[in-house]
Amino acid sequence: MTHTELEAYILSFPDSWLDWPFGEDVAVYKVGHDNDGKGKLFALIAMNSQPLRVSLKCDPQLAETLREQYESVLPGHHLNKKHWNTIICSGQLDDEQVKDLVRHSYQLVVG
């Protein structure tokens, strides 16, 4: 899956939008607008990463299980390690599994 394909999938969720609060190196995908208008983040993509790297919110128990099962699933880079995973899209998880984890992240954030 390419960055463009993954981004299109992420932005297909209702009220999702792209932000750049950390500069040009990290695409941040948020949902909704909270009281201060900033929204809640549910996905981050490291720009120009090869292979593609995406960080997603995850249920803590599932996050740990995924890290134990897959070398390409790591604790969230620069994020709360209990609630976030960084996935290296090297093919160990197929596109549908990555999409499932995006959907899981979105659902955790919107409730």
PDB file of N, CA and C in Angstrom:
ATOM      1  N   MET A   1       0.848  -1.172   0.000  1.00  0.00           N
ATOM      2  CA  MET A   1       0.000   0.000   0.000  1.00  0.00           C
ATOM      3  C   MET A   1       0.901   1.245   0.000  1.00  0.00           C
ATOM      4  N   THR A   2       0.563   2.186  -0.843  1.00  0.00           N
ATOM      5  CA  THR A   2       1.339   3.425  -0.921  1.00  0.00           C
ATOM      6  C   THR A   2       0.809   4.446   0.080  1.00  0.00           C
ATOM      7  N   HIS A   3       1.581   5.482   0.288  1.00  0.00           N
ATOM      8  CA  HIS A   3       1.149   6.581   1.157  1.00  0.00           C
ATOM      9  C   HIS A   3      -0.168   7.162   0.631  1.00  0.00           C
ATOM     10  N   THR A   4      -0.252   7.387  -0.662  1.00  0.00           N
ATOM     11  CA  THR A   4      -1.453   7.968  -1.261  1.00  0.00           C
ATOM     12  C   THR A   4      -2.677   7.086  -1.040  1.00  0.00           C
ATOM     13  N   GLU A   5      -2.522   5.773  -1.211  1.00  0.00           N
ATOM     14  CA  GLU A   5      -3.638   4.845  -0.999  1.00  0.00           C
ATOM     15  C   GLU A   5      -4.080   4.826   0.463  1.00  0.00           C
ATOM     16  N   LEU A   6      -3.105   4.786   1.366  1.00  0.00           N
ATOM     17  CA  LEU A   6      -3.433   4.760   2.792  1.00  0.00           C
ATOM     18  C   LEU A   6      -4.084   6.077   3.211  1.00  0.00           C
ATOM     19  N   GLU A   7      -3.561   7.186   2.726  1.00  0.00           N
ATOM     20  CA  GLU A   7      -4.142   8.479   3.058  1.00  0.00           C
ATOM     21  C   GLU A   7      -5.588   8.585   2.562  1.00  0.00           C
ATOM     22  N   ALA A   8      -5.839   8.120   1.354  1.00  0.00           N
ATOM     23  CA  ALA A   8      -7.202   8.154   0.817  1.00  0.00           C
ATOM     24  C   ALA A   8      -8.137   7.335   1.699  1.00  0.00           C
ATOM     25  N   TYR A   9      -7.670   6.184   2.168  1.00  0.00           N
ATOM     26  CA  TYR A   9      -8.488   5.349   3.041  1.00  0.00           C
ATOM     27  C   TYR A   9      -8.760   6.073   4.368  1.00  0.00           C
ATOM     28  N   ILE A  10      -7.724   6.633   4.962  1.00  0.00           N
ATOM     29  CA  ILE A  10      -7.874   7.336   6.240  1.00  0.00           C
ATOM     30  C   ILE A  10      -8.861   8.497   6.104  1.00  0.00           C
ATOM     31  N   LEU A  11      -8.736   9.251   5.030  1.00  0.00           N
ATOM     32  CA  LEU A  11      -9.592  10.423   4.843  1.00  0.00           C
ATOM     33  C   LEU A  11     -11.011  10.072   4.401  1.00  0.00           C
ATOM     34  N   SER A  12     -11.261   8.782   4.143  1.00  0.00           N
ATOM     35  CA  SER A  12     -12.621   8.363   3.778  1.00  0.00           C
ATOM     36  C   SER A  12     -13.532   8.255   4.996  1.00  0.00           C
ATOM     37  N   PHE A  13     -12.976   8.298   6.192  1.00  0.00           N
ATOM     38  CA  PHE A  13     -13.784   8.216   7.407  1.00  0.00           C
ATOM     39  C   PHE A  13     -14.486   9.551   7.656  1.00  0.00           C
ATOM     40  N   PRO A  14     -15.723   9.513   8.152  1.00  0.00           N
ATOM     41  CA  PRO A  14     -16.467  10.744   8.390  1.00  0.00           C
ATOM     42  C   PRO A  14     -15.719  11.727   9.294  1.00  0.00           C
ATOM     43  N   ASP A  15     -15.752  12.994   8.907  1.00  0.00           N
ATOM     44  CA  ASP A  15     -15.157  14.102   9.675  1.00  0.00           C
ATOM     45  C   ASP A  15     -13.646  13.999   9.842  1.00  0.00           C
ATOM     46  N   SER A  16     -12.965  13.179   9.024  1.00  0.00           N
ATOM     47  CA  SER A  16     -11.509  13.086   9.139  1.00  0.00           C
ATOM     48  C   SER A  16     -10.865  14.160   8.272  1.00  0.00           C
ATOM     49  N   TRP A  17      -9.696  14.607   8.708  1.00  0.00           N
ATOM     50  CA  TRP A  17      -8.991  15.655   7.979  1.00  0.00           C
ATOM     51  C   TRP A  17      -7.497  15.587   8.275  1.00  0.00           C
ATOM     52  N   LEU A  18      -6.717  16.189   7.406  1.00  0.00           N
ATOM     53  CA  LEU A  18      -5.260  16.180   7.484  1.00  0.00           C
ATOM     54  C   LEU A  18      -4.766  17.461   8.123  1.00  0.00           C
ATOM     55  N   ASP A  19      -3.787  17.325   9.022  1.00  0.00           N
ATOM     56  CA  ASP A  19      -3.183  18.474   9.702  1.00  0.00           C
ATOM     57  C   ASP A  19      -1.667  18.280   9.715  1.00  0.00           C
ATOM     58  N   TRP A  20      -0.946  19.360   9.950  1.00  0.00           N
ATOM     59  CA  TRP A  20       0.521  19.318   9.976  1.00  0.00           C
ATOM     60  C   TRP A  20       1.060  20.002  11.240  1.00  0.00           C
ATOM     61  N   PRO A  21       0.615  19.624  12.443  1.00  0.00           N
ATOM     62  CA  PRO A  21       1.042  20.339  13.657  1.00  0.00           C
ATOM     63  C   PRO A  21       2.518  20.133  14.018  1.00  0.00           C
ATOM     64  N   PHE A  22       3.148  19.106  13.479  1.00  0.00           N
ATOM     65  CA  PHE A  22       4.537  18.805  13.809  1.00  0.00           C
ATOM     66  C   PHE A  22       5.484  19.130  12.657  1.00  0.00           C
ATOM     67  N   GLY A  23       5.015  19.868  11.679  1.00  0.00           N
ATOM     68  CA  GLY A  23       5.850  20.210  10.530  1.00  0.00           C
ATOM     69  C   GLY A  23       5.625  19.262   9.371  1.00  0.00           C
ATOM     70  N   GLU A  24       6.446  19.411   8.343  1.00  0.00           N
ATOM     71  CA  GLU A  24       6.268  18.692   7.086  1.00  0.00           C
ATOM     72  C   GLU A  24       6.662  17.217   7.127  1.00  0.00           C
ATOM     73  N   ASP A  25       7.254  16.759   8.216  1.00  0.00           N
ATOM     74  CA  ASP A  25       7.740  15.381   8.285  1.00  0.00           C
ATOM     75  C   ASP A  25       6.677  14.372   8.698  1.00  0.00           C
ATOM     76  N   VAL A  26       5.581  14.861   9.285  1.00  0.00           N
ATOM     77  CA  VAL A  26       4.561  13.943   9.799  1.00  0.00           C
ATOM     78  C   VAL A  26       3.171  14.426   9.396  1.00  0.00           C
ATOM     79  N   ALA A  27       2.472  13.596   8.614  1.00  0.00           N
ATOM     80  CA  ALA A  27       1.079  13.862   8.263  1.00  0.00           C
ATOM     81  C   ALA A  27       0.218  13.350   9.415  1.00  0.00           C
ATOM     82  N   VAL A  28      -0.618  14.219   9.967  1.00  0.00           N
ATOM     83  CA  VAL A  28      -1.438  13.881  11.126  1.00  0.00           C
ATOM     84  C   VAL A  28      -2.906  13.892  10.696  1.00  0.00           C
ATOM     85  N   TYR A  29      -3.585  12.790  10.948  1.00  0.00           N
ATOM     86  CA  TYR A  29      -4.984  12.650  10.551  1.00  0.00           C
ATOM     87  C   TYR A  29      -5.849  12.720  11.802  1.00  0.00           C
ATOM     88  N   LYS A  30      -6.809  13.636  11.754  1.00  0.00           N
ATOM     89  CA  LYS A  30      -7.655  13.899  12.909  1.00  0.00           C
ATOM     90  C   LYS A  30      -9.115  13.689  12.534  1.00  0.00           C
ATOM     91  N   VAL A  31      -9.921  13.625  13.575  1.00  0.00           N
ATOM     92  CA  VAL A  31     -11.365  13.507  13.384  1.00  0.00           C
ATOM     93  C   VAL A  31     -12.044  14.570  14.222  1.00  0.00           C
ATOM     94  N   GLY A  32     -13.078  15.179  13.633  1.00  0.00           N
ATOM     95  CA  GLY A  32     -13.890  16.146  14.349  1.00  0.00           C
ATOM     96  C   GLY A  32     -13.135  17.388  14.767  1.00  0.00           C
ATOM     97  N   HIS A  33     -13.799  18.179  15.570  1.00  0.00           N
ATOM     98  CA  HIS A  33     -13.220  19.399  16.128  1.00  0.00           C
ATOM     99  C   HIS A  33     -13.672  19.474  17.571  1.00  0.00           C
ATOM    100  N   ASP A  34     -12.704  19.454  18.490  1.00  0.00           N
ATOM    101  CA  ASP A  34     -13.061  19.538  19.900  1.00  0.00           C
ATOM    102  C   ASP A  34     -13.255  21.011  20.280  1.00  0.00           C
ATOM    103  N   ASN A  35     -13.331  21.310  21.550  1.00  0.00           N
ATOM    104  CA  ASN A  35     -13.629  22.668  22.018  1.00  0.00           C
ATOM    105  C   ASN A  35     -12.644  23.715  21.515  1.00  0.00           C
ATOM    106  N   ASP A  36     -11.392  23.327  21.329  1.00  0.00           N
ATOM    107  CA  ASP A  36     -10.410  24.298  20.840  1.00  0.00           C
ATOM    108  C   ASP A  36     -10.217  24.216  19.321  1.00  0.00           C
ATOM    109  N   GLY A  37     -11.065  23.430  18.645  1.00  0.00           N
ATOM    110  CA  GLY A  37     -11.029  23.361  17.187  1.00  0.00           C
ATOM    111  C   GLY A  37      -9.950  22.489  16.600  1.00  0.00           C
ATOM    112  N   LYS A  38      -9.244  21.762  17.442  1.00  0.00           N
ATOM    113  CA  LYS A  38      -8.098  20.989  16.964  1.00  0.00           C
ATOM    114  C   LYS A  38      -8.426  19.571  16.525  1.00  0.00           C
ATOM    115  N   GLY A  39      -9.504  18.993  16.990  1.00  0.00           N
ATOM    116  CA  GLY A  39      -9.829  17.617  16.652  1.00  0.00           C
ATOM    117  C   GLY A  39      -8.970  16.627  17.429  1.00  0.00           C
ATOM    118  N   LYS A  40      -9.253  15.346  17.216  1.00  0.00           N
ATOM    119  CA  LYS A  40      -8.519  14.275  17.903  1.00  0.00           C
ATOM    120  C   LYS A  40      -7.783  13.452  16.863  1.00  0.00           C
ATOM    121  N   LEU A  41      -6.517  13.205  17.115  1.00  0.00           N
ATOM    122  CA  LEU A  41      -5.749  12.455  16.124  1.00  0.00           C
ATOM    123  C   LEU A  41      -5.974  10.960  16.260  1.00  0.00           C
ATOM    124  N   PHE A  42      -5.983  10.282  15.108  1.00  0.00           N
ATOM    125  CA  PHE A  42      -6.145   8.832  15.114  1.00  0.00           C
ATOM    126  C   PHE A  42      -5.145   8.123  14.212  1.00  0.00           C
ATOM    127  N   ALA A  43      -4.382   8.875  13.432  1.00  0.00           N
ATOM    128  CA  ALA A  43      -3.357   8.262  12.583  1.00  0.00           C
ATOM    129  C   ALA A  43      -2.280   9.287  12.258  1.00  0.00           C
ATOM    130  N   LEU A  44      -1.053   8.793  12.135  1.00  0.00           N
ATOM    131  CA  LEU A  44       0.063   9.625  11.719  1.00  0.00           C
ATOM    132  C   LEU A  44       0.873   8.834  10.699  1.00  0.00           C
ATOM    133  N   ILE A  45       1.313   9.491   9.648  1.00  0.00           N
ATOM    134  CA  ILE A  45       2.178   8.844   8.659  1.00  0.00           C
ATOM    135  C   ILE A  45       3.476   9.624   8.588  1.00  0.00           C
ATOM    136  N   ALA A  46       4.593   8.910   8.736  1.00  0.00           N
ATOM    137  CA  ALA A  46       5.909   9.522   8.582  1.00  0.00           C
ATOM    138  C   ALA A  46       6.148   9.753   7.091  1.00  0.00           C
ATOM    139  N   MET A  47       6.336  11.009   6.727  1.00  0.00           N
ATOM    140  CA  MET A  47       6.527  11.353   5.321  1.00  0.00           C
ATOM    141  C   MET A  47       7.849  10.783   4.807  1.00  0.00           C
ATOM    142  N   ASN A  48       7.835  10.347   3.572  1.00  0.00           N
ATOM    143  CA  ASN A  48       9.025   9.837   2.881  1.00  0.00           C
ATOM    144  C   ASN A  48       9.665   8.639   3.568  1.00  0.00           C
ATOM    145  N   SER A  49       8.897   7.908   4.366  1.00  0.00           N
ATOM    146  CA  SER A  49       9.447   6.718   5.012  1.00  0.00           C
ATOM    147  C   SER A  49       9.382   5.544   4.033  1.00  0.00           C
ATOM    148  N   GLN A  50      10.443   4.793   3.971  1.00  0.00           N
ATOM    149  CA  GLN A  50      10.516   3.600   3.127  1.00  0.00           C
ATOM    150  C   GLN A  50      11.028   2.451   3.972  1.00  0.00           C
ATOM    151  N   PRO A  51      10.240   1.455   4.283  1.00  0.00           N
ATOM    152  CA  PRO A  51       8.841   1.333   3.906  1.00  0.00           C
ATOM    153  C   PRO A  51       7.968   2.308   4.688  1.00  0.00           C
ATOM    154  N   LEU A  52       6.747   2.438   4.236  1.00  0.00           N
ATOM    155  CA  LEU A  52       5.777   3.332   4.842  1.00  0.00           C
ATOM    156  C   LEU A  52       5.592   2.991   6.321  1.00  0.00           C
ATOM    157  N   ARG A  53       5.495   4.032   7.165  1.00  0.00           N
ATOM    158  CA  ARG A  53       5.255   3.850   8.598  1.00  0.00           C
ATOM    159  C   ARG A  53       4.020   4.638   8.998  1.00  0.00           C
ATOM    160  N   VAL A  54       3.098   3.948   9.657  1.00  0.00           N
ATOM    161  CA  VAL A  54       1.879   4.602  10.132  1.00  0.00           C
ATOM    162  C   VAL A  54       1.711   4.291  11.616  1.00  0.00           C
ATOM    163  N   SER A  55       1.359   5.314  12.386  1.00  0.00           N
ATOM    164  CA  SER A  55       1.091   5.137  13.816  1.00  0.00           C
ATOM    165  C   SER A  55      -0.405   5.248  14.037  1.00  0.00           C
ATOM    166  N   LEU A  56      -0.932   4.301  14.821  1.00  0.00           N
ATOM    167  CA  LEU A  56      -2.373   4.203  15.035  1.00  0.00           C
ATOM    168  C   LEU A  56      -2.673   3.948  16.503  1.00  0.00           C
ATOM    169  N   LYS A  57      -3.749   4.538  16.975  1.00  0.00           N
ATOM    170  CA  LYS A  57      -4.226   4.268  18.332  1.00  0.00           C
ATOM    171  C   LYS A  57      -4.718   2.821  18.375  1.00  0.00           C
ATOM    172  N   CYS A  58      -4.549   2.176  19.531  1.00  0.00           N
ATOM    173  CA  CYS A  58      -4.905   0.756  19.630  1.00  0.00           C
ATOM    174  C   CYS A  58      -5.277   0.416  21.068  1.00  0.00           C
ATOM    175  N   ASP A  59      -6.237  -0.475  21.211  1.00  0.00           N
ATOM    176  CA  ASP A  59      -6.564  -1.009  22.526  1.00  0.00           C
ATOM    177  C   ASP A  59      -5.275  -1.567  23.137  1.00  0.00           C
ATOM    178  N   PRO A  60      -4.958  -1.240  24.389  1.00  0.00           N
ATOM    179  CA  PRO A  60      -3.687  -1.668  24.978  1.00  0.00           C
ATOM    180  C   PRO A  60      -3.414  -3.172  24.916  1.00  0.00           C
ATOM    181  N   GLN A  61      -4.436  -3.994  25.162  1.00  0.00           N
ATOM    182  CA  GLN A  61      -4.236  -5.437  25.115  1.00  0.00           C
ATOM    183  C   GLN A  61      -3.929  -5.911  23.693  1.00  0.00           C
ATOM    184  N   LEU A  62      -4.673  -5.393  22.728  1.00  0.00           N
ATOM    185  CA  LEU A  62      -4.428  -5.734  21.332  1.00  0.00           C
ATOM    186  C   LEU A  62      -3.071  -5.213  20.882  1.00  0.00           C
ATOM    187  N   ALA A  63      -2.708  -4.016  21.322  1.00  0.00           N
ATOM    188  CA  ALA A  63      -1.411  -3.436  20.956  1.00  0.00           C
ATOM    189  C   ALA A  63      -0.275  -4.370  21.362  1.00  0.00           C
ATOM    190  N   GLU A  64      -0.346  -4.875  22.572  1.00  0.00           N
ATOM    191  CA  GLU A  64       0.691  -5.782  23.074  1.00  0.00           C
ATOM    192  C   GLU A  64       0.713  -7.093  22.288  1.00  0.00           C
ATOM    193  N   THR A  65      -0.459  -7.633  22.009  1.00  0.00           N
ATOM    194  CA  THR A  65      -0.555  -8.880  21.242  1.00  0.00           C
ATOM    195  C   THR A  65       0.058  -8.715  19.852  1.00  0.00           C
ATOM    196  N   LEU A  66      -0.266  -7.603  19.187  1.00  0.00           N
ATOM    197  CA  LEU A  66       0.270  -7.352  17.842  1.00  0.00           C
ATOM    198  C   LEU A  66       1.787  -7.224  17.865  1.00  0.00           C
ATOM    199  N   ARG A  67       2.317  -6.568  18.878  1.00  0.00           N
ATOM    200  CA  ARG A  67       3.780  -6.409  19.000  1.00  0.00           C
ATOM    201  C   ARG A  67       4.472  -7.756  19.207  1.00  0.00           C
ATOM    202  N   GLU A  68       3.803  -8.638  19.947  1.00  0.00           N
ATOM    203  CA  GLU A  68       4.368  -9.973  20.169  1.00  0.00           C
ATOM    204  C   GLU A  68       4.319 -10.814  18.906  1.00  0.00           C
ATOM    205  N   GLN A  69       3.284 -10.634  18.086  1.00  0.00           N
ATOM    206  CA  GLN A  69       3.081 -11.446  16.878  1.00  0.00           C
ATOM    207  C   GLN A  69       3.899 -10.984  15.685  1.00  0.00           C
ATOM    208  N   TYR A  70       4.104  -9.672  15.565  1.00  0.00           N
ATOM    209  CA  TYR A  70       4.699  -9.114  14.348  1.00  0.00           C
ATOM    210  C   TYR A  70       5.897  -8.224  14.661  1.00  0.00           C
ATOM    211  N   GLU A  71       7.013  -8.498  13.990  1.00  0.00           N
ATOM    212  CA  GLU A  71       8.193  -7.647  14.136  1.00  0.00           C
ATOM    213  C   GLU A  71       7.943  -6.244  13.606  1.00  0.00           C
ATOM    214  N   SER A  72       7.006  -6.111  12.677  1.00  0.00           N
ATOM    215  CA  SER A  72       6.739  -4.818  12.033  1.00  0.00           C
ATOM    216  C   SER A  72       5.754  -3.948  12.811  1.00  0.00           C
ATOM    217  N   VAL A  73       5.321  -4.408  13.988  1.00  0.00           N
ATOM    218  CA  VAL A  73       4.452  -3.607  14.850  1.00  0.00           C
ATOM    219  C   VAL A  73       5.256  -3.244  16.100  1.00  0.00           C
ATOM    220  N   LEU A  74       5.469  -1.939  16.261  1.00  0.00           N
ATOM    221  CA  LEU A  74       6.314  -1.422  17.336  1.00  0.00           C
ATOM    222  C   LEU A  74       5.510  -0.493  18.238  1.00  0.00           C
ATOM    223  N   PRO A  75       5.986  -0.264  19.461  1.00  0.00           N
ATOM    224  CA  PRO A  75       5.327   0.745  20.299  1.00  0.00           C
ATOM    225  C   PRO A  75       5.324   2.086  19.562  1.00  0.00           C
ATOM    226  N   GLY A  76       4.288   2.870  19.745  1.00  0.00           N
ATOM    227  CA  GLY A  76       4.135   4.132  19.032  1.00  0.00           C
ATOM    228  C   GLY A  76       5.341   5.046  19.145  1.00  0.00           C
ATOM    229  N   HIS A  77       5.877   5.453  18.007  1.00  0.00           N
ATOM    230  CA  HIS A  77       7.042   6.334  17.953  1.00  0.00           C
ATOM    231  C   HIS A  77       6.639   7.739  18.395  1.00  0.00           C
ATOM    232  N   HIS A  78       7.242   8.236  19.479  1.00  0.00           N
ATOM    233  CA  HIS A  78       6.949   9.554  20.050  1.00  0.00           C
ATOM    234  C   HIS A  78       5.493   9.685  20.520  1.00  0.00           C
ATOM    235  N   LEU A  79       4.873   8.565  20.879  1.00  0.00           N
ATOM    236  CA  LEU A  79       3.486   8.556  21.331  1.00  0.00           C
ATOM    237  C   LEU A  79       3.381   7.719  22.599  1.00  0.00           C
ATOM    238  N   ASN A  80       2.226   7.738  23.251  1.00  0.00           N
ATOM    239  CA  ASN A  80       1.992   6.917  24.430  1.00  0.00           C
ATOM    240  C   ASN A  80       2.103   5.445  24.030  1.00  0.00           C
ATOM    241  N   LYS A  81       3.118   4.778  24.508  1.00  0.00           N
ATOM    242  CA  LYS A  81       3.427   3.401  24.092  1.00  0.00           C
ATOM    243  C   LYS A  81       2.335   2.409  24.484  1.00  0.00           C
ATOM    244  N   LYS A  82       1.536   2.742  25.476  1.00  0.00           N
ATOM    245  CA  LYS A  82       0.461   1.845  25.911  1.00  0.00           C
ATOM    246  C   LYS A  82      -0.693   1.849  24.909  1.00  0.00           C
ATOM    247  N   HIS A  83      -0.957   3.010  24.298  1.00  0.00           N
ATOM    248  CA  HIS A  83      -2.148   3.177  23.473  1.00  0.00           C
ATOM    249  C   HIS A  83      -1.871   3.348  21.977  1.00  0.00           C
ATOM    250  N   TRP A  84      -0.622   3.329  21.566  1.00  0.00           N
ATOM    251  CA  TRP A  84      -0.284   3.572  20.156  1.00  0.00           C
ATOM    252  C   TRP A  84       0.729   2.557  19.649  1.00  0.00           C
ATOM    253  N   ASN A  85       0.542   2.136  18.413  1.00  0.00           N
ATOM    254  CA  ASN A  85       1.505   1.287  17.705  1.00  0.00           C
ATOM    255  C   ASN A  85       1.969   2.006  16.454  1.00  0.00           C
ATOM    256  N   THR A  86       3.212   1.775  16.088  1.00  0.00           N
ATOM    257  CA  THR A  86       3.726   2.194  14.794  1.00  0.00           C
ATOM    258  C   THR A  86       3.882   0.941  13.959  1.00  0.00           C
ATOM    259  N   ILE A  87       3.275   0.956  12.788  1.00  0.00           N
ATOM    260  CA  ILE A  87       3.305  -0.201  11.894  1.00  0.00           C
ATOM    261  C   ILE A  87       4.211   0.107  10.721  1.00  0.00           C
ATOM    262  N   ILE A  88       5.181  -0.762  10.513  1.00  0.00           N
ATOM    263  CA  ILE A  88       6.046  -0.660   9.345  1.00  0.00           C
ATOM    264  C   ILE A  88       5.384  -1.493   8.260  1.00  0.00           C
ATOM    265  N   CYS A  89       4.952  -0.836   7.206  1.00  0.00           N
ATOM    266  CA  CYS A  89       4.204  -1.509   6.135  1.00  0.00           C
ATOM    267  C   CYS A  89       5.176  -2.222   5.191  1.00  0.00           C
ATOM    268  N   SER A  90       5.732  -3.317   5.691  1.00  0.00           N
ATOM    269  CA  SER A  90       6.739  -4.085   4.957  1.00  0.00           C
ATOM    270  C   SER A  90       6.141  -5.311   4.277  1.00  0.00           C
ATOM    271  N   GLY A  91       4.840  -5.538   4.494  1.00  0.00           N
ATOM    272  CA  GLY A  91       4.185  -6.702   3.919  1.00  0.00           C
ATOM    273  C   GLY A  91       3.891  -7.778   4.943  1.00  0.00           C
ATOM    274  N   GLN A  92       4.455  -7.666   6.142  1.00  0.00           N
ATOM    275  CA  GLN A  92       4.176  -8.656   7.174  1.00  0.00           C
ATOM    276  C   GLN A  92       2.683  -8.640   7.526  1.00  0.00           C
ATOM    277  N   LEU A  93       2.105  -7.449   7.631  1.00  0.00           N
ATOM    278  CA  LEU A  93       0.652  -7.297   7.730  1.00  0.00           C
ATOM    279  C   LEU A  93       0.179  -6.912   6.334  1.00  0.00           C
ATOM    280  N   ASP A  94      -0.871  -7.567   5.847  1.00  0.00           N
ATOM    281  CA  ASP A  94      -1.352  -7.234   4.510  1.00  0.00           C
ATOM    282  C   ASP A  94      -2.193  -5.959   4.562  1.00  0.00           C
ATOM    283  N   ASP A  95      -2.561  -5.450   3.403  1.00  0.00           N
ATOM    284  CA  ASP A  95      -3.293  -4.184   3.318  1.00  0.00           C
ATOM    285  C   ASP A  95      -4.591  -4.211   4.112  1.00  0.00           C
ATOM    286  N   GLU A  96      -5.301  -5.332   4.069  1.00  0.00           N
ATOM    287  CA  GLU A  96      -6.571  -5.421   4.801  1.00  0.00           C
ATOM    288  C   GLU A  96      -6.352  -5.369   6.305  1.00  0.00           C
ATOM    289  N   GLN A  97      -5.286  -5.975   6.789  1.00  0.00           N
ATOM    290  CA  GLN A  97      -4.990  -5.911   8.221  1.00  0.00           C
ATOM    291  C   GLN A  97      -4.664  -4.475   8.639  1.00  0.00           C
ATOM    292  N   VAL A  98      -3.899  -3.772   7.812  1.00  0.00           N
ATOM    293  CA  VAL A  98      -3.576  -2.374   8.118  1.00  0.00           C
ATOM    294  C   VAL A  98      -4.858  -1.545   8.116  1.00  0.00           C
ATOM    295  N   LYS A  99      -5.721  -1.764   7.139  1.00  0.00           N
ATOM    296  CA  LYS A  99      -6.995  -1.038   7.084  1.00  0.00           C
ATOM    297  C   LYS A  99      -7.846  -1.334   8.313  1.00  0.00           C
ATOM    298  N   ASP A 100      -7.855  -2.581   8.758  1.00  0.00           N
ATOM    299  CA  ASP A 100      -8.601  -2.943   9.972  1.00  0.00           C
ATOM    300  C   ASP A 100      -8.082  -2.165  11.173  1.00  0.00           C
ATOM    301  N   LEU A 101      -6.770  -2.007  11.250  1.00  0.00           N
ATOM    302  CA  LEU A 101      -6.178  -1.280  12.375  1.00  0.00           C
ATOM    303  C   LEU A 101      -6.458   0.214  12.281  1.00  0.00           C
ATOM    304  N   VAL A 102      -6.532   0.757  11.071  1.00  0.00           N
ATOM    305  CA  VAL A 102      -6.933   2.158  10.895  1.00  0.00           C
ATOM    306  C   VAL A 102      -8.366   2.332  11.396  1.00  0.00           C
ATOM    307  N   ARG A 103      -9.245   1.436  10.979  1.00  0.00           N
ATOM    308  CA  ARG A 103     -10.649   1.490  11.390  1.00  0.00           C
ATOM    309  C   ARG A 103     -10.757   1.380  12.924  1.00  0.00           C
ATOM    310  N   HIS A 104      -9.983   0.480  13.511  1.00  0.00           N
ATOM    311  CA  HIS A 104      -9.971   0.302  14.972  1.00  0.00           C
ATOM    312  C   HIS A 104      -9.545   1.606  15.651  1.00  0.00           C
ATOM    313  N   SER A 105      -8.505   2.241  15.143  1.00  0.00           N
ATOM    314  CA  SER A 105      -8.017   3.486  15.703  1.00  0.00           C
ATOM    315  C   SER A 105      -9.095   4.574  15.634  1.00  0.00           C
ATOM    316  N   TYR A 106      -9.700   4.706  14.485  1.00  0.00           N
ATOM    317  CA  TYR A 106     -10.765   5.696  14.291  1.00  0.00           C
ATOM    318  C   TYR A 106     -11.911   5.450  15.289  1.00  0.00           C
ATOM    319  N   GLN A 107     -12.320   4.213  15.410  1.00  0.00           N
ATOM    320  CA  GLN A 107     -13.442   3.875  16.299  1.00  0.00           C
ATOM    321  C   GLN A 107     -13.099   4.152  17.768  1.00  0.00           C
ATOM    322  N   LEU A 108     -11.859   3.909  18.159  1.00  0.00           N
ATOM    323  CA  LEU A 108     -11.453   4.220  19.533  1.00  0.00           C
ATOM    324  C   LEU A 108     -11.561   5.717  19.812  1.00  0.00           C
ATOM    325  N   VAL A 109     -11.186   6.525  18.827  1.00  0.00           N
ATOM    326  CA  VAL A 109     -11.179   7.964  19.019  1.00  0.00           C
ATOM    327  C   VAL A 109     -12.587   8.565  18.993  1.00  0.00           C
ATOM    328  N   VAL A 110     -13.427   8.084  18.089  1.00  0.00           N
ATOM    329  CA  VAL A 110     -14.775   8.667  18.006  1.00  0.00           C
ATOM    330  C   VAL A 110     -15.737   8.075  19.038  1.00  0.00           C
ATOM    331  N   GLY A 111     -15.365   6.920  19.599  1.00  0.00           N
ATOM    332  CA  GLY A 111     -16.174   6.325  20.663  1.00  0.00           C
ATOM    333  C   GLY A 111     -17.237   5.456  20.224  1.00  0.00           C
TER     334      GLY A 111
END
